[in-house]
C-alpha atoms as a PDB file:
ATOM      1  CA  UNK A   1      98.009-105.103  18.710  1.00  0.00           C
ATOM      2  CA  UNK A   2     100.900-106.669  16.776  1.00  0.00           C
ATOM      3  CA  UNK A   3     104.313-105.584  17.979  1.00  0.00           C
ATOM      4  CA  UNK A   4     107.782-105.789  16.455  1.00  0.00           C
ATOM      5  CA  UNK A   5     110.592-107.323  18.493  1.00  0.00           C
ATOM      6  CA  UNK A   6     113.896-105.461  18.488  1.00  0.00           C
ATOM      7  CA  UNK A   7     117.115-107.378  17.950  1.00  0.00           C
ATOM      8  CA  UNK A   8     118.175-106.285  21.441  1.00  0.00           C
ATOM      9  CA  UNK A   9     116.068-105.792  24.554  1.00  0.00           C
ATOM     10  CA  UNK A  10     115.784-102.215  25.754  1.00  0.00           C
ATOM     11  CA  UNK A  11     115.369-101.797  29.512  1.00  0.00           C
ATOM     12  CA  UNK A  12     115.196 -98.336  31.048  1.00  0.00           C
ATOM     13  CA  UNK A  13     115.048 -97.162  34.685  1.00  0.00           C
ATOM     14  CA  UNK A  14     112.491 -94.579  33.595  1.00  0.00           C
ATOM     15  CA  UNK A  15     108.703 -94.309  33.883  1.00  0.00           C
ATOM     16  CA  UNK A  16     106.400 -94.660  30.906  1.00  0.00           C
ATOM     17  CA  UNK A  17     102.869 -93.576  30.074  1.00  0.00           C
ATOM     18  CA  UNK A  18     100.509 -93.158  27.130  1.00  0.00           C
ATOM     19  CA  UNK A  19      98.364 -90.128  26.362  1.00  0.00           C
ATOM     20  CA  UNK A  20      94.625 -90.874  26.506  1.00  0.00           C
ATOM     21  CA  UNK A  21      94.064 -88.682  23.430  1.00  0.00           C
ATOM     22  CA  UNK A  22      95.906 -90.800  20.856  1.00  0.00           C
ATOM     23  CA  UNK A  23      92.838 -91.804  18.840  1.00  0.00           C
ATOM     24  CA  UNK A  24      91.710 -88.201  18.478  1.00  0.00           C
ATOM     25  CA  UNK A  25      95.237 -87.137  17.503  1.00  0.00           C
ATOM     26  CA  UNK A  26      95.451 -89.922  14.931  1.00  0.00           C
ATOM     27  CA  UNK A  27      92.126 -89.032  13.306  1.00  0.00           C
ATOM     28  CA  UNK A  28      93.016 -85.351  13.251  1.00  0.00           C
ATOM     29  CA  UNK A  29      96.489 -85.955  11.790  1.00  0.00           C
ATOM     30  CA  UNK A  30      95.126 -87.983   8.875  1.00  0.00           C
ATOM     31  CA  UNK A  31      92.495 -85.321   8.143  1.00  0.00           C
ATOM     32  CA  UNK A  32      95.184 -82.636   8.429  1.00  0.00           C
ATOM     33  CA  UNK A  33      97.504 -84.483   6.025  1.00  0.00           C
ATOM     34  CA  UNK A  34      94.665 -84.668   3.515  1.00  0.00           C
ATOM     35  CA  UNK A  35      93.855 -80.964   3.981  1.00  0.00           C
ATOM     36  CA  UNK A  36      97.491 -79.937   3.477  1.00  0.00           C
ATOM     37  CA  UNK A  37      97.838 -82.147   0.402  1.00  0.00           C
ATOM     38  CA  UNK A  38     100.409 -84.415   2.059  1.00  0.00           C
ATOM     39  CA  UNK A  39      98.249 -87.498   1.510  1.00  0.00           C
ATOM     40  CA  UNK A  40      95.299 -87.382  -0.877  1.00  0.00           C
ATOM     41  CA  UNK A  41      95.077 -90.836  -2.481  1.00  0.00           C
ATOM     42  CA  UNK A  42      93.354 -93.828  -0.917  1.00  0.00           C
ATOM     43  CA  UNK A  43      96.715 -95.619  -0.790  1.00  0.00           C
ATOM     44  CA  UNK A  44      98.479 -92.753   0.995  1.00  0.00           C
ATOM     45  CA  UNK A  45      95.666 -92.235   3.492  1.00  0.00           C
ATOM     46  CA  UNK A  46      95.554 -95.976   4.148  1.00  0.00           C
ATOM     47  CA  UNK A  47      99.264 -95.980   4.942  1.00  0.00           C
ATOM     48  CA  UNK A  48      98.822 -93.118   7.411  1.00  0.00           C
ATOM     49  CA  UNK A  49      96.044 -95.038   9.121  1.00  0.00           C
ATOM     50  CA  UNK A  50      98.239 -98.139   9.357  1.00  0.00           C
ATOM     51  CA  UNK A  51     101.286 -96.275  10.679  1.00  0.00           C
ATOM     52  CA  UNK A  52      99.192 -94.654  13.437  1.00  0.00           C
ATOM     53  CA  UNK A  53     101.397 -91.666  14.227  1.00  0.00           C
ATOM     54  CA  UNK A  54      98.908 -90.638  16.936  1.00  0.00           C
ATOM     55  CA  UNK A  55      99.830 -93.656  19.024  1.00  0.00           C
ATOM     56  CA  UNK A  56     103.540 -93.228  18.306  1.00  0.00           C
ATOM     57  CA  UNK A  57     103.393 -89.598  19.463  1.00  0.00           C
ATOM     58  CA  UNK A  58     101.290 -90.478  22.496  1.00  0.00           C
ATOM     59  CA  UNK A  59     104.047 -92.801  23.700  1.00  0.00           C
ATOM     60  CA  UNK A  60     106.791 -90.188  23.240  1.00  0.00           C
ATOM     61  CA  UNK A  61     104.750 -87.258  24.546  1.00  0.00           C
ATOM     62  CA  UNK A  62     102.320 -88.890  26.992  1.00  0.00           C
ATOM     63  CA  UNK A  63     101.519 -85.624  28.783  1.00  0.00           C
ATOM     64  CA  UNK A  64     100.264 -84.139  25.501  1.00  0.00           C
ATOM     65  CA  UNK A  65      96.515 -83.588  25.380  1.00  0.00           C
ATOM     66  CA  UNK A  66      93.961 -82.335  22.872  1.00  0.00           C
ATOM     67  CA  UNK A  67      95.228 -79.891  20.283  1.00  0.00           C
ATOM     68  CA  UNK A  68      98.787 -80.097  21.661  1.00  0.00           C
ATOM     69  CA  UNK A  69      99.037 -83.813  20.949  1.00  0.00           C
ATOM     70  CA  UNK A  70      97.431 -83.166  17.567  1.00  0.00           C
ATOM     71  CA  UNK A  71     100.096 -80.577  16.720  1.00  0.00           C
ATOM     72  CA  UNK A  72     102.903 -82.886  17.813  1.00  0.00           C
ATOM     73  CA  UNK A  73     101.398 -85.743  15.792  1.00  0.00           C
ATOM     74  CA  UNK A  74     101.190 -83.490  12.753  1.00  0.00           C
ATOM     75  CA  UNK A  75     104.872 -82.598  13.137  1.00  0.00           C
ATOM     76  CA  UNK A  76     105.711 -86.318  13.302  1.00  0.00           C
ATOM     77  CA  UNK A  77     103.527 -86.969  10.257  1.00  0.00           C
ATOM     78  CA  UNK A  78     105.120 -84.102   8.360  1.00  0.00           C
ATOM     79  CA  UNK A  79     108.650 -85.155   9.305  1.00  0.00           C
ATOM     80  CA  UNK A  80     108.213 -88.755   8.184  1.00  0.00           C
ATOM     81  CA  UNK A  81     106.498 -87.828   4.919  1.00  0.00           C
ATOM     82  CA  UNK A  82     109.147 -85.217   4.095  1.00  0.00           C
ATOM     83  CA  UNK A  83     111.987 -87.625   4.853  1.00  0.00           C
ATOM     84  CA  UNK A  84     110.371 -90.374   2.780  1.00  0.00           C
ATOM     85  CA  UNK A  85     110.550 -88.200  -0.336  1.00  0.00           C
ATOM     86  CA  UNK A  86     114.298 -88.910  -0.415  1.00  0.00           C
ATOM     87  CA  UNK A  87     114.091 -92.689   0.053  1.00  0.00           C
ATOM     88  CA  UNK A  88     113.698 -93.150  -3.700  1.00  0.00           C
ATOM     89  CA  UNK A  89     115.542 -91.775  -6.756  1.00  0.00           C
ATOM     90  CA  UNK A  90     115.495 -88.169  -5.501  1.00  0.00           C
ATOM     91  CA  UNK A  91     117.656 -89.192  -2.551  1.00  0.00           C
ATOM     92  CA  UNK A  92     120.482 -90.055  -4.946  1.00  0.00           C
ATOM     93  CA  UNK A  93     120.597 -86.518  -6.373  1.00  0.00           C
ATOM     94  CA  UNK A  94     122.202 -84.291  -3.709  1.00  0.00           C
ATOM     95  CA  UNK A  95     122.203 -81.167  -5.881  1.00  0.00           C
ATOM     96  CA  UNK A  96     118.434 -81.310  -6.295  1.00  0.00           C
ATOM     97  CA  UNK A  97     118.016 -82.030  -2.587  1.00  0.00           C
ATOM     98  CA  UNK A  98     120.210 -79.008  -1.780  1.00  0.00           C
ATOM     99  CA  UNK A  99     117.870 -76.759  -3.774  1.00  0.00           C
ATOM    100  CA  UNK A 100     114.856 -78.224  -2.003  1.00  0.00           C
ATOM    101  CA  UNK A 101     116.533 -77.767   1.388  1.00  0.00           C
ATOM    102  CA  UNK A 102     117.283 -74.120   0.631  1.00  0.00           C
ATOM    103  CA  UNK A 103     113.661 -73.642  -0.365  1.00  0.00           C
ATOM    104  CA  UNK A 104     112.308 -75.273   2.797  1.00  0.00           C
ATOM    105  CA  UNK A 105     114.634 -73.275   5.062  1.00  0.00           C
ATOM    106  CA  UNK A 106     113.293 -70.158   3.368  1.00  0.00           C
ATOM    107  CA  UNK A 107     109.770 -71.311   4.245  1.00  0.00           C
ATOM    108  CA  UNK A 108     110.715 -71.655   7.927  1.00  0.00           C
ATOM    109  CA  UNK A 109     111.742 -68.006   8.142  1.00  0.00           C
ATOM    110  CA  UNK A 110     109.122 -66.500   5.846  1.00  0.00           C
ATOM    111  CA  UNK A 111     106.513 -64.189   7.374  1.00  0.00           C
ATOM    112  CA  UNK A 112     103.967 -64.982   4.662  1.00  0.00           C
ATOM    113  CA  UNK A 113     100.843 -66.919   5.616  1.00  0.00           C
ATOM    114  CA  UNK A 114      99.676 -67.401   2.023  1.00  0.00           C
ATOM    115  CA  UNK A 115      99.264 -70.918   0.601  1.00  0.00           C
ATOM    116  CA  UNK A 116     102.616 -72.486  -0.297  1.00  0.00           C
ATOM    117  CA  UNK A 117     103.840 -73.968  -3.551  1.00  0.00           C
ATOM    118  CA  UNK A 118     103.909 -77.552  -2.317  1.00  0.00           C
ATOM    119  CA  UNK A 119     102.254 -79.632   0.374  1.00  0.00           C
ATOM    120  CA  UNK A 120     105.381 -79.902   2.537  1.00  0.00           C
ATOM    121  CA  UNK A 121     105.716 -76.120   2.651  1.00  0.00           C
ATOM    122  CA  UNK A 122     102.013 -75.709   3.426  1.00  0.00           C
ATOM    123  CA  UNK A 123     102.207 -78.276   6.203  1.00  0.00           C
ATOM    124  CA  UNK A 124     105.163 -76.831   8.092  1.00  0.00           C
ATOM    125  CA  UNK A 125     103.838 -73.280   7.655  1.00  0.00           C
ATOM    126  CA  UNK A 126     100.543 -74.362   9.219  1.00  0.00           C
ATOM    127  CA  UNK A 127     102.302 -75.993  12.184  1.00  0.00           C
ATOM    128  CA  UNK A 128     104.406 -72.882  12.812  1.00  0.00           C
ATOM    129  CA  UNK A 129     101.364 -70.617  12.488  1.00  0.00           C
ATOM    130  CA  UNK A 130      99.421 -72.592  15.114  1.00  0.00           C
ATOM    131  CA  UNK A 131     102.375 -72.791  17.512  1.00  0.00           C
ATOM    132  CA  UNK A 132     103.099 -69.041  17.405  1.00  0.00           C
ATOM    133  CA  UNK A 133     100.308 -67.895  19.775  1.00  0.00           C
ATOM    134  CA  UNK A 134     101.161 -70.645  22.250  1.00  0.00           C
ATOM    135  CA  UNK A 135     104.889 -70.002  22.668  1.00  0.00           C
ATOM    136  CA  UNK A 136     107.298 -67.083  23.051  1.00  0.00           C
ATOM    137  CA  UNK A 137     109.285 -65.596  20.181  1.00  0.00           C
ATOM    138  CA  UNK A 138     112.443 -67.015  21.779  1.00  0.00           C
ATOM    139  CA  UNK A 139     111.011 -70.526  21.850  1.00  0.00           C
ATOM    140  CA  UNK A 140     109.790 -70.221  18.265  1.00  0.00           C
ATOM    141  CA  UNK A 141     113.278 -69.151  17.160  1.00  0.00           C
ATOM    142  CA  UNK A 142     114.768 -72.206  18.872  1.00  0.00           C
ATOM    143  CA  UNK A 143     112.160 -74.506  17.309  1.00  0.00           C
ATOM    144  CA  UNK A 144     112.798 -73.075  13.842  1.00  0.00           C
ATOM    145  CA  UNK A 145     116.522 -73.587  14.351  1.00  0.00           C
ATOM    146  CA  UNK A 146     115.935 -77.241  15.225  1.00  0.00           C
ATOM    147  CA  UNK A 147     113.732 -77.629  12.145  1.00  0.00           C
ATOM    148  CA  UNK A 148     116.469 -76.070  10.020  1.00  0.00           C
ATOM    149  CA  UNK A 149     119.026 -78.565  11.290  1.00  0.00           C
ATOM    150  CA  UNK A 150     116.589 -81.407  10.659  1.00  0.00           C
ATOM    151  CA  UNK A 151     116.330 -80.289   7.019  1.00  0.00           C
ATOM    152  CA  UNK A 152     120.112 -80.043   6.791  1.00  0.00           C
ATOM    153  CA  UNK A 153     120.351 -83.508   8.340  1.00  0.00           C
ATOM    154  CA  UNK A 154     118.120 -84.964   5.626  1.00  0.00           C
ATOM    155  CA  UNK A 155     120.340 -83.279   3.030  1.00  0.00           C
ATOM    156  CA  UNK A 156     123.487 -84.717   4.633  1.00  0.00           C
ATOM    157  CA  UNK A 157     121.895 -88.154   4.595  1.00  0.00           C
ATOM    158  CA  UNK A 158     121.451 -87.943   0.817  1.00  0.00           C
ATOM    159  CA  UNK A 159     125.075 -86.920   0.271  1.00  0.00           C
ATOM    160  CA  UNK A 160     126.278 -90.109   1.975  1.00  0.00           C
ATOM    161  CA  UNK A 161     123.722 -92.544   0.555  1.00  0.00           C
ATOM    162  CA  UNK A 162     125.925 -93.505  -2.400  1.00  0.00           C
ATOM    163  CA  UNK A 163     129.091 -93.955  -0.350  1.00  0.00           C
ATOM    164  CA  UNK A 164     127.958 -95.923   2.681  1.00  0.00           C
ATOM    165  CA  UNK A 165     131.218 -97.856   2.699  1.00  0.00           C
ATOM    166  CA  UNK A 166     133.075 -94.654   3.628  1.00  0.00           C
ATOM    167  CA  UNK A 167     130.987 -93.949   6.730  1.00  0.00           C
ATOM    168  CA  UNK A 168     132.473 -94.865  10.090  1.00  0.00           C
ATOM    169  CA  UNK A 169     130.432 -95.163  13.283  1.00  0.00           C
ATOM    170  CA  UNK A 170     131.122 -91.622  14.423  1.00  0.00           C
ATOM    171  CA  UNK A 171     130.059 -90.114  11.089  1.00  0.00           C
ATOM    172  CA  UNK A 172     126.882 -92.201  11.037  1.00  0.00           C
ATOM    173  CA  UNK A 173     126.086 -90.981  14.542  1.00  0.00           C
ATOM    174  CA  UNK A 174     126.565 -87.349  13.514  1.00  0.00           C
ATOM    175  CA  UNK A 175     124.334 -87.742  10.454  1.00  0.00           C
ATOM    176  CA  UNK A 176     121.591 -89.519  12.374  1.00  0.00           C
ATOM    177  CA  UNK A 177     121.616 -86.985  15.224  1.00  0.00           C
ATOM    178  CA  UNK A 178     120.354 -84.388  12.778  1.00  0.00           C
ATOM    179  CA  UNK A 179     118.124 -86.282  10.371  1.00  0.00           C
ATOM    180  CA  UNK A 180     116.108 -88.025  13.096  1.00  0.00           C
ATOM    181  CA  UNK A 181     114.608 -84.648  14.053  1.00  0.00           C
ATOM    182  CA  UNK A 182     114.423 -85.414  17.780  1.00  0.00           C
ATOM    183  CA  UNK A 183     115.384 -81.939  19.014  1.00  0.00           C
ATOM    184  CA  UNK A 184     112.182 -80.531  17.536  1.00  0.00           C
ATOM    185  CA  UNK A 185     110.218 -83.352  19.168  1.00  0.00           C
ATOM    186  CA  UNK A 186     111.830 -82.627  22.542  1.00  0.00           C
ATOM    187  CA  UNK A 187     110.764 -78.996  22.179  1.00  0.00           C
ATOM    188  CA  UNK A 188     107.142 -80.159  22.230  1.00  0.00           C
ATOM    189  CA  UNK A 189     107.560 -81.127  25.892  1.00  0.00           C
ATOM    190  CA  UNK A 190     107.401 -77.431  26.761  1.00  0.00           C
ATOM    191  CA  UNK A 191     104.303 -76.983  24.604  1.00  0.00           C
ATOM    192  CA  UNK A 192     102.591 -79.914  26.322  1.00  0.00           C
ATOM    193  CA  UNK A 193     103.580 -78.781  29.814  1.00  0.00           C
ATOM    194  CA  UNK A 194     102.605 -75.147  29.339  1.00  0.00           C
ATOM    195  CA  UNK A 195     105.942 -73.634  30.346  1.00  0.00           C
ATOM    196  CA  UNK A 196     109.305 -72.880  28.773  1.00  0.00           C
ATOM    197  CA  UNK A 197     112.694 -73.838  30.158  1.00  0.00           C
ATOM    198  CA  UNK A 198     114.167 -70.618  31.610  1.00  0.00           C
ATOM    199  CA  UNK A 199     116.649 -68.837  29.370  1.00  0.00           C
ATOM    200  CA  UNK A 200     119.241 -69.111  32.143  1.00  0.00           C
ATOM    201  CA  UNK A 201     119.025 -72.900  31.843  1.00  0.00           C
ATOM    202  CA  UNK A 202     118.285 -73.889  28.259  1.00  0.00           C
ATOM    203  CA  UNK A 203     121.796 -73.158  27.020  1.00  0.00           C
ATOM    204  CA  UNK A 204     123.639 -74.804  29.915  1.00  0.00           C
ATOM    205  CA  UNK A 205     125.794 -77.822  29.184  1.00  0.00           C
ATOM    206  CA  UNK A 206     123.683 -79.857  31.616  1.00  0.00           C
ATOM    207  CA  UNK A 207     120.377 -79.322  29.812  1.00  0.00           C
ATOM    208  CA  UNK A 208     122.030 -79.776  26.442  1.00  0.00           C
ATOM    209  CA  UNK A 209     123.622 -83.012  27.678  1.00  0.00           C
ATOM    210  CA  UNK A 210     120.260 -84.334  28.889  1.00  0.00           C
ATOM    211  CA  UNK A 211     118.655 -83.517  25.554  1.00  0.00           C
ATOM    212  CA  UNK A 212     121.556 -85.070  23.626  1.00  0.00           C
ATOM    213  CA  UNK A 213     121.264 -88.268  25.646  1.00  0.00           C
ATOM    214  CA  UNK A 214     117.597 -88.503  24.672  1.00  0.00           C
ATOM    215  CA  UNK A 215     118.428 -87.899  21.002  1.00  0.00           C
ATOM    216  CA  UNK A 216     121.183 -90.516  21.032  1.00  0.00           C
ATOM    217  CA  UNK A 217     119.154 -93.177  22.844  1.00  0.00           C
ATOM    218  CA  UNK A 218     116.174 -92.740  20.533  1.00  0.00           C
ATOM    219  CA  UNK A 219     118.296 -92.800  17.363  1.00  0.00           C
ATOM    220  CA  UNK A 220     119.992 -95.998  18.529  1.00  0.00           C
ATOM    221  CA  UNK A 221     116.578 -97.538  19.198  1.00  0.00           C
ATOM    222  CA  UNK A 222     115.463 -96.414  15.758  1.00  0.00           C
ATOM    223  CA  UNK A 223     118.497 -97.869  14.024  1.00  0.00           C
ATOM    224  CA  UNK A 224     117.990-101.215  15.765  1.00  0.00           C
ATOM    225  CA  UNK A 225     114.286-101.402  14.885  1.00  0.00           C
ATOM    226  CA  UNK A 226     115.009-100.128  11.343  1.00  0.00           C
ATOM    227  CA  UNK A 227     117.903-102.520  10.747  1.00  0.00           C
ATOM    228  CA  UNK A 228     116.113-104.890   8.302  1.00  0.00           C
ATOM    229  CA  UNK A 229     114.627-101.979   6.339  1.00  0.00           C
ATOM    230  CA  UNK A 230     117.843 -99.932   6.298  1.00  0.00           C
ATOM    231  CA  UNK A 231     119.934-102.926   5.268  1.00  0.00           C
ATOM    232  CA  UNK A 232     117.568-103.599   2.369  1.00  0.00           C
ATOM    233  CA  UNK A 233     117.259 -99.956   1.298  1.00  0.00           C
ATOM    234  CA  UNK A 234     120.938 -99.044   1.846  1.00  0.00           C
ATOM    235  CA  UNK A 235     120.372 -96.245   4.369  1.00  0.00           C
ATOM    236  CA  UNK A 236     122.727 -94.612   6.863  1.00  0.00           C
ATOM    237  CA  UNK A 237     122.395 -96.617  10.073  1.00  0.00           C
ATOM    238  CA  UNK A 238     124.731 -96.651  13.078  1.00  0.00           C
ATOM    239  CA  UNK A 239     124.548-100.439  13.481  1.00  0.00           C
ATOM    240  CA  UNK A 240     125.322-100.987   9.803  1.00  0.00           C
ATOM    241  CA  UNK A 241     128.193 -98.486  10.019  1.00  0.00           C
ATOM    242  CA  UNK A 242     129.662-100.497  12.900  1.00  0.00           C
ATOM    243  CA  UNK A 243     129.468-103.668  10.821  1.00  0.00           C
ATOM    244  CA  UNK A 244     131.147-102.099   7.798  1.00  0.00           C
ATOM    245  CA  UNK A 245     133.752 -99.808   9.334  1.00  0.00           C
ATOM    246  CA  UNK A 246     134.760-101.971  12.309  1.00  0.00           C
ATOM    247  CA  UNK A 247     134.367-105.371  10.635  1.00  0.00           C
ATOM    248  CA  UNK A 248     131.843-106.512  13.246  1.00  0.00           C
ATOM    249  CA  UNK A 249     129.258-109.224  12.894  1.00  0.00           C
ATOM    250  CA  UNK A 250     125.639-108.173  13.320  1.00  0.00           C
ATOM    251  CA  UNK A 251     125.593-109.742  16.788  1.00  0.00           C
ATOM    252  CA  UNK A 252     128.741-107.843  17.788  1.00  0.00           C
ATOM    253  CA  UNK A 253     127.388-104.559  16.435  1.00  0.00           C
ATOM    254  CA  UNK A 254     124.133-105.030  18.334  1.00  0.00           C
ATOM    255  CA  UNK A 255     126.031-105.854  21.510  1.00  0.00           C
ATOM    256  CA  UNK A 256     128.022-102.654  21.140  1.00  0.00           C
ATOM    257  CA  UNK A 257     124.836-100.694  20.444  1.00  0.00           C
ATOM    258  CA  UNK A 258     123.257-102.036  23.632  1.00  0.00           C
ATOM    259  CA  UNK A 259     126.356-100.960  25.560  1.00  0.00           C
ATOM    260  CA  UNK A 260     126.144 -97.476  24.023  1.00  0.00           C
ATOM    261  CA  UNK A 261     122.506 -97.172  25.080  1.00  0.00           C
ATOM    262  CA  UNK A 262     123.409 -98.183  28.642  1.00  0.00           C
ATOM    263  CA  UNK A 263     126.253 -95.658  28.623  1.00  0.00           C
ATOM    264  CA  UNK A 264     123.892 -92.874  27.522  1.00  0.00           C
ATOM    265  CA  UNK A 265     121.373 -93.821  30.218  1.00  0.00           C
ATOM    266  CA  UNK A 266     124.057 -93.635  32.890  1.00  0.00           C
ATOM    267  CA  UNK A 267     125.225 -90.272  31.538  1.00  0.00           C
ATOM    268  CA  UNK A 268     121.643 -88.978  31.728  1.00  0.00           C
ATOM    269  CA  UNK A 269     121.278 -90.149  35.329  1.00  0.00           C
ATOM    270  CA  UNK A 270     124.626 -88.628  36.286  1.00  0.00           C
ATOM    271  CA  UNK A 271     123.713 -85.228  34.843  1.00  0.00           C
ATOM    272  CA  UNK A 272     120.277 -85.400  36.472  1.00  0.00           C
ATOM    273  CA  UNK A 273     121.881 -86.051  39.866  1.00  0.00           C
ATOM    274  CA  UNK A 274     123.849 -82.814  39.596  1.00  0.00           C
ATOM    275  CA  UNK A 275     120.969 -80.548  38.605  1.00  0.00           C
ATOM    276  CA  UNK A 276     120.196 -79.367  42.148  1.00  0.00           C
ATOM    277  CA  UNK A 277     123.679 -77.875  42.433  1.00  0.00           C
ATOM    278  CA  UNK A 278     123.158 -76.043  39.138  1.00  0.00           C
ATOM    279  CA  UNK A 279     119.838 -74.660  40.369  1.00  0.00           C
ATOM    280  CA  UNK A 280     121.564 -73.399  43.514  1.00  0.00           C
ATOM    281  CA  UNK A 281     124.263 -71.700  41.469  1.00  0.00           C
ATOM    282  CA  UNK A 282     121.678 -69.979  39.273  1.00  0.00           C
ATOM    283  CA  UNK A 283     119.446 -69.053  42.213  1.00  0.00           C
ATOM    284  CA  UNK A 284     116.471 -70.865  40.723  1.00  0.00           C
ATOM    285  CA  UNK A 285     113.203 -70.426  42.615  1.00  0.00           C
ATOM    286  CA  UNK A 286     110.770 -73.082  43.818  1.00  0.00           C
ATOM    287  CA  UNK A 287     108.445 -72.785  40.807  1.00  0.00           C
ATOM    288  CA  UNK A 288     111.226 -73.127  38.250  1.00  0.00           C
ATOM    289  CA  UNK A 289     112.758 -76.062  40.145  1.00  0.00           C
ATOM    290  CA  UNK A 290     109.419 -77.867  40.081  1.00  0.00           C
ATOM    291  CA  UNK A 291     109.073 -77.178  36.376  1.00  0.00           C
ATOM    292  CA  UNK A 292     112.539 -78.505  35.661  1.00  0.00           C
ATOM    293  CA  UNK A 293     111.802 -81.669  37.628  1.00  0.00           C
ATOM    294  CA  UNK A 294     108.739 -82.076  35.445  1.00  0.00           C
ATOM    295  CA  UNK A 295     110.758 -81.388  32.279  1.00  0.00           C
ATOM    296  CA  UNK A 296     113.339 -84.047  33.129  1.00  0.00           C
ATOM    297  CA  UNK A 297     110.529 -86.464  33.994  1.00  0.00           C
ATOM    298  CA  UNK A 298     109.094 -85.869  30.506  1.00  0.00           C
ATOM    299  CA  UNK A 299     112.500 -86.520  28.930  1.00  0.00           C
ATOM    300  CA  UNK A 300     112.533 -89.878  30.714  1.00  0.00           C
ATOM    301  CA  UNK A 301     109.006 -90.628  29.503  1.00  0.00           C
ATOM    302  CA  UNK A 302     110.126 -89.871  25.947  1.00  0.00           C
ATOM    303  CA  UNK A 303     113.088 -92.249  26.131  1.00  0.00           C
ATOM    304  CA  UNK A 304     111.032 -95.133  27.503  1.00  0.00           C
ATOM    305  CA  UNK A 305     107.983 -94.400  25.366  1.00  0.00           C
ATOM    306  CA  UNK A 306     110.042 -94.468  22.204  1.00  0.00           C
ATOM    307  CA  UNK A 307     110.578 -98.212  22.619  1.00  0.00           C
ATOM    308  CA  UNK A 308     106.834 -98.754  22.393  1.00  0.00           C
ATOM    309  CA  UNK A 309     106.512 -96.247  19.560  1.00  0.00           C
ATOM    310  CA  UNK A 310     108.858 -98.391  17.503  1.00  0.00           C
ATOM    311  CA  UNK A 311     107.531-101.753  18.661  1.00  0.00           C
ATOM    312  CA  UNK A 312     103.901-100.926  17.873  1.00  0.00           C
ATOM    313  CA  UNK A 313     104.429 -99.223  14.502  1.00  0.00           C
ATOM    314  CA  UNK A 314     104.067-101.445  11.432  1.00  0.00           C
ATOM    315  CA  UNK A 315     106.555 -99.187   9.680  1.00  0.00           C
ATOM    316  CA  UNK A 316     109.274-101.100  11.555  1.00  0.00           C
ATOM    317  CA  UNK A 317     107.901-104.528  10.696  1.00  0.00           C
ATOM    318  CA  UNK A 318     110.340-107.000   9.165  1.00  0.00           C
ATOM    319  CA  UNK A 319     107.734-108.063   6.594  1.00  0.00           C
ATOM    320  CA  UNK A 320     108.932-107.468   2.998  1.00  0.00           C
ATOM    321  CA  UNK A 321     106.188-104.945   2.243  1.00  0.00           C
ATOM    322  CA  UNK A 322     107.671-102.714   4.922  1.00  0.00           C
ATOM    323  CA  UNK A 323     111.387-103.275   4.348  1.00  0.00           C
ATOM    324  CA  UNK A 324     111.345-102.355   0.665  1.00  0.00           C
ATOM    325  CA  UNK A 325     110.826 -98.754  -0.537  1.00  0.00           C
ATOM    326  CA  UNK A 326     107.142 -97.845  -0.472  1.00  0.00           C
ATOM    327  CA  UNK A 327     105.468 -98.374  -3.840  1.00  0.00           C
ATOM    328  CA  UNK A 328     108.957 -98.857  -5.267  1.00  0.00           C
ATOM    329  CA  UNK A 329     109.705 -95.158  -4.859  1.00  0.00           C
ATOM    330  CA  UNK A 330     110.213 -94.633  -1.137  1.00  0.00           C
ATOM    331  CA  UNK A 331     107.154 -92.475  -0.533  1.00  0.00           C
ATOM    332  CA  UNK A 332     103.389 -92.884  -0.338  1.00  0.00           C
ATOM    333  CA  UNK A 333     102.769 -89.799  -2.481  1.00  0.00           C
ATOM    334  CA  UNK A 334     105.016 -87.479  -4.484  1.00  0.00           C
ATOM    335  CA  UNK A 335     104.958 -84.062  -2.795  1.00  0.00           C
ATOM    336  CA  UNK A 336     106.670 -82.325  -5.748  1.00  0.00           C
ATOM    337  CA  UNK A 337     109.165 -80.664  -3.435  1.00  0.00           C
ATOM    338  CA  UNK A 338     110.917 -78.790  -6.214  1.00  0.00           C
ATOM    339  CA  UNK A 339     107.852 -76.608  -6.789  1.00  0.00           C
ATOM    340  CA  UNK A 340     108.831 -73.125  -5.684  1.00  0.00           C
ATOM    341  CA  UNK A 341     112.575 -73.707  -5.411  1.00  0.00           C
ATOM    342  CA  UNK A 342     113.299 -70.781  -7.711  1.00  0.00           C
ATOM    343  CA  UNK A 343     111.133 -68.530  -5.540  1.00  0.00           C
ATOM    344  CA  UNK A 344     113.039 -69.685  -2.474  1.00  0.00           C
ATOM    345  CA  UNK A 345     116.353 -68.980  -4.182  1.00  0.00           C
ATOM    346  CA  UNK A 346     115.195 -65.458  -5.019  1.00  0.00           C
ATOM    347  CA  UNK A 347     113.994 -64.966  -1.432  1.00  0.00           C
ATOM    348  CA  UNK A 348     117.349 -66.082  -0.035  1.00  0.00           C
ATOM    349  CA  UNK A 349     119.324 -63.919  -2.465  1.00  0.00           C
ATOM    350  CA  UNK A 350     117.203 -60.855  -1.618  1.00  0.00           C
ATOM    351  CA  UNK A 351     117.364 -61.238   2.162  1.00  0.00           C
ATOM    352  CA  UNK A 352     121.120 -61.677   2.055  1.00  0.00           C
ATOM    353  CA  UNK A 353     121.451 -58.353   0.246  1.00  0.00           C
END
């Protein structure tokens, strides 16, 4: 398999693994995308085959098996295809994107199971419908909230696309933390493992810090691997923001990025070392302690696996056909996201009274 080399070498003191069910997940995700209307042309389906989201997901969620890995792969597929809709002309029209975002947030909280107005709405509705019997109402509410912030993150990305010169490193970080959608991906660890993080723990600063470290490390990896593409397509990228706002050379920006990754790894390890004391304070039992050890192990697998997800995906190739917007538009197929925006507006107005 061809691999892409990152501009910096990522080394992590974490384990790594690969789900044995990646081929099944890949086949299922392509068939699912066709069924939902996300990819229906030969070109679009060929791109999905080449990108191989099943393998990417299997690196990040190596304990995922069977239909769980399929669901996670479908979320990844959906997230990339939705985000790509804004890599072309639509991404330079924030007002239109705001209407689409409002519509999609309405879809997240709708109780209707009827077919949706566009493929993106159908796809996310299907994912939510299939997750509902597997997880608690509390978990589903958290997952929906993370999806909502992903959608808002994509919207924020479009508002900054035409003023990249104004973005400093901190702002780029804040934008990327949302639009990368990693919190929703982290949630799938609980689906794969068959348990939910106890309510007494999920909101603690320690668990939130661990999750944030994973988000930050993965987004920095992504921005390094995406650097040629993002430079060509004028996207928000932390490394590019360092170059522009701090007057750094590419080499200097990459050196600083590597230092940031190391800093986040050390923060993760420091928080992990203090978890036993937190469990004592909360009176956590043996079963929950074992589950949390497993959860943190899976976070480590996700961090390390993400390197291979990026390295093995042709989407991050430096070849011109991958660095320029797909088909000159940014997407493999137009999902007509504005279909149903008026219905969503009416839904929002009605529910707000």
